[in-house]
């Protein structure tokens, strides 16, 4: 299995997949609501990015009880891509707007 830093894991994980720290104890799942802790004292709560998460290696696997269908995952990918594209186009428009161009 591939080991990811926390940032790499956030880029690679897909809807319904589980990320597990190298210690095998801490696990989180990406849902449509965000990253949710599956284990530990925060189980069921949204993951807060804290310093200790940044120093761990993570592996990604499919959730055994994955209820995310292929169609749902594809819809999630499209939405994520659309949101990123919109931000890129907005940034580009601001950069090229006439008020920013010197005469």
Protein backbone atom coordinates (compact mmCIF):
# COMPACT_ATOMS: atom_id res chain seq x y z
CA UNK A 1 0.00 0.00 0.00
CA UNK A 2 1.09 3.53 -0.71
CA UNK A 3 1.92 5.81 2.20
CA UNK A 4 0.73 9.41 1.95
CA UNK A 5 1.44 12.53 3.97
CA UNK A 6 -1.74 14.16 5.26
CA UNK A 7 -1.83 16.67 2.39
CA UNK A 8 -1.22 13.99 -0.23
CA UNK A 9 -3.92 11.82 1.33
CA UNK A 10 -6.43 14.68 1.12
CA UNK A 11 -5.68 15.01 -2.59
CA UNK A 12 -5.90 11.26 -3.29
CA UNK A 13 -8.81 10.07 -1.15
CA UNK A 14 -12.21 9.66 -2.79
CA UNK A 15 -15.76 9.61 -1.49
CA UNK A 16 -16.39 6.56 0.69
CA UNK A 17 -12.74 5.64 1.16
CA UNK A 18 -11.02 5.24 4.53
CA UNK A 19 -7.64 6.69 5.51
CA UNK A 20 -5.70 4.93 8.23
CA UNK A 21 -2.64 6.21 10.09
CA UNK A 22 0.45 3.99 10.26
CA UNK A 23 -0.32 3.18 13.90
CA UNK A 24 -3.45 1.37 12.67
CA UNK A 25 -5.50 2.99 15.39
CA UNK A 26 -6.65 6.26 13.85
CA UNK A 27 -9.03 5.99 10.91
CA UNK A 28 -11.13 8.55 9.07
CA UNK A 29 -13.56 8.36 6.17
CA UNK A 30 -14.36 10.87 3.44
CA UNK A 31 -18.12 11.42 3.26
CA UNK A 32 -20.17 13.98 1.38
CA UNK A 33 -20.14 16.00 4.63
CA UNK A 34 -16.33 15.91 4.94
CA UNK A 35 -13.70 13.80 6.72
CA UNK A 36 -15.22 11.95 9.68
CA UNK A 37 -13.32 10.15 12.45
CA UNK A 38 -14.19 6.45 12.58
CA UNK A 39 -12.21 5.57 15.71
CA UNK A 40 -10.99 7.07 18.94
CA UNK A 41 -12.47 9.69 21.23
CA UNK A 42 -13.61 11.81 18.28
CA UNK A 43 -15.41 8.98 16.43
CA UNK A 44 -18.31 10.35 14.41
CA UNK A 45 -17.02 13.93 14.48
CA UNK A 46 -15.58 16.00 11.64
CA UNK A 47 -11.78 15.87 11.49
CA UNK A 48 -10.05 19.07 12.56
CA UNK A 49 -6.65 19.62 10.96
CA UNK A 50 -4.19 19.65 13.85
CA UNK A 51 -0.40 19.57 13.87
CA UNK A 52 -0.18 15.93 14.93
CA UNK A 53 -1.96 14.83 11.74
CA UNK A 54 0.74 16.44 9.60
CA UNK A 55 3.53 14.20 10.91
CA UNK A 56 1.86 10.87 10.12
CA UNK A 57 1.82 8.63 7.09
CA UNK A 58 -1.60 7.49 5.90
CA UNK A 59 -2.86 4.66 3.73
CA UNK A 60 -6.10 4.71 1.77
CA UNK A 61 -8.43 1.78 1.25
CA UNK A 62 -12.01 1.10 0.31
CA UNK A 63 -14.46 0.96 3.19
CA UNK A 64 -15.77 -2.58 3.61
CA UNK A 65 -19.28 -1.26 4.19
CA UNK A 66 -18.97 1.39 1.48
CA UNK A 67 -22.43 2.62 0.61
CA UNK A 68 -21.11 5.10 -1.98
CA UNK A 69 -22.07 3.93 -5.44
CA UNK A 70 -19.87 4.45 -8.48
CA UNK A 71 -22.41 6.97 -9.76
CA UNK A 72 -22.37 8.90 -6.47
CA UNK A 73 -18.56 8.97 -6.48
CA UNK A 74 -18.46 10.21 -10.08
CA UNK A 75 -20.99 12.95 -9.26
CA UNK A 76 -18.80 13.99 -6.30
CA UNK A 77 -15.70 14.13 -8.57
CA UNK A 78 -17.54 16.32 -11.10
CA UNK A 79 -18.74 18.69 -8.38
CA UNK A 80 -15.23 18.98 -6.90
CA UNK A 81 -13.72 19.64 -10.33
CA UNK A 82 -16.41 22.21 -11.16
CA UNK A 83 -15.79 24.08 -7.90
CA UNK A 84 -12.03 24.20 -8.55
CA UNK A 85 -12.54 25.34 -12.14
CA UNK A 86 -14.93 28.10 -11.04
CA UNK A 87 -12.37 29.40 -8.56
CA UNK A 88 -9.65 29.33 -11.20
CA UNK A 89 -11.82 31.21 -13.71
CA UNK A 90 -12.80 33.80 -11.08
CA UNK A 91 -9.16 34.36 -10.19
CA UNK A 92 -8.25 34.67 -13.86
CA UNK A 93 -11.08 37.16 -14.47
CA UNK A 94 -9.96 39.32 -11.52
CA UNK A 95 -6.38 39.26 -12.75
CA UNK A 96 -7.40 40.28 -16.27
CA UNK A 97 -10.16 42.74 -15.36
CA UNK A 98 -9.84 46.20 -16.98
CA UNK A 99 -9.47 47.92 -13.59
CA UNK A 100 -6.22 46.02 -13.05
CA UNK A 101 -4.73 46.87 -16.43
CA UNK A 102 -2.54 49.96 -16.49
CA UNK A 103 -2.87 52.29 -19.45
